[in-house]
Amino acid sequence: MNTSLNQWNKELPLQLSEVLTSIDTVPDMQAVRTDVLTEKEITEIAARLEAARMLSLKETYTNIAAKTSLSSRTIARISDWLQSGAGGYKKAISLIDTHHAHLSPARD
């Protein structure tokens, strides 16, 4: 399943990776994503990350679909990638968990 990793060795995808890893603030990252991605793409990526996080917590497909509006087929693909992909979802979940551990509780 890691055959898609080869795409990142090409010039333009590598350039994209280098740009994204060079951004060091949330507002700068949001600005780049706003200009580069459509609103639908941003929503889809965010939903996929949430689905991966929920899968890692053993949530049901029904609960994941209700929260993310993703199809069961997409959730199944995310589950496959989570188990045998390049490790990107696992890294993202780790970053989400780390980031949320450092946030103050929401205030009313």
Foldseek 3Di string as FASTA:
>chain_A
DAPCVVVCVDDPNVVVVVVQVVDDDPVVNVVVCPVPDPPVVVLVVVLLLVLLLVVVVVHDLVVSCVVNVDDSVSSVVSVVCCVDNPCVSVVSNVVVVVVVVPDDDDDD
